[in-house]
Amino acid sequence: MKNVLRLTSSIFEEGSVSSMLMQELLSAFVSAGESFQIVERNFRESPVPHLDAAWLQALMTPEADRSDEQQAKVDYSDSLIAEVQQADTLVIALPMYNFSLPSMLKAWVDHIARAGVTFKYTESGPVGLLQDKKVYLVAAMGGVHDSAASDFLRPYMKLIMSFVGLTDVEFITADGLNMGPERREQGIEQARQQIANTVVGDESQTIHRKDAA
């Protein structure tokens, strides 16, 4: 059984396209015979605190010298890292807000990107320590955006995932969602086709690996 970490980063309770498509992706894998256990972290229901000077000080203070308040901060950050370490697959709902990612998703990144734990510095540069995991990033965008021109969401997420060692990243994208009903449906259908192709592709790889064994 796979362990799946599911991250819901939309601020909306209802009507979130990224959350809807993330659920459709997981349901498609279930329909294809996949079995997994989900750990869910919903940022709307359980906000992720942004790092501040006090939080960084707690992380840098030796364990024996920490106050109870500092230890509580470290324990929280450690719990977020542990969820990633224990997951075989990450599925992240990724709405675009003002050309980039939701602030609480950025806060989550700041908690899990920790030197010596999820990455390390070497003479040849940083090396990610989170490996052998699949990441699905389900993006929802109101407009149509080119990478690095007006899209700072997907390039950043690809970079930061790679930075901590997660290089097997696949995007599923619904765009044009605020460009009228017809274009919205086109964007959602585009993402649904990507989901179908993704599930079929993963099934083929599984069969190939079994045959090779």
Foldseek 3Di string as FASTA:
>chain_A
DFEEEEEAEDLDPPDQLLVVLLVVLVVLLVVVPDDYDYDYDYCNVPPQDADDPLQVVLVPDPPVPHDPVSVVSLVVLVVLQVSLLRGQEYEYRFEDDQQAGRVRVVRSLVSNPDDPRLWHADPVGIAADRENHAYEYEYEELADDDPPPRHPHVVVVCVSCVRSHHNNYDYQYQYNCNVDDVSNVVSSVSSVVVSVVVSVVVVVVVVVVVVVD
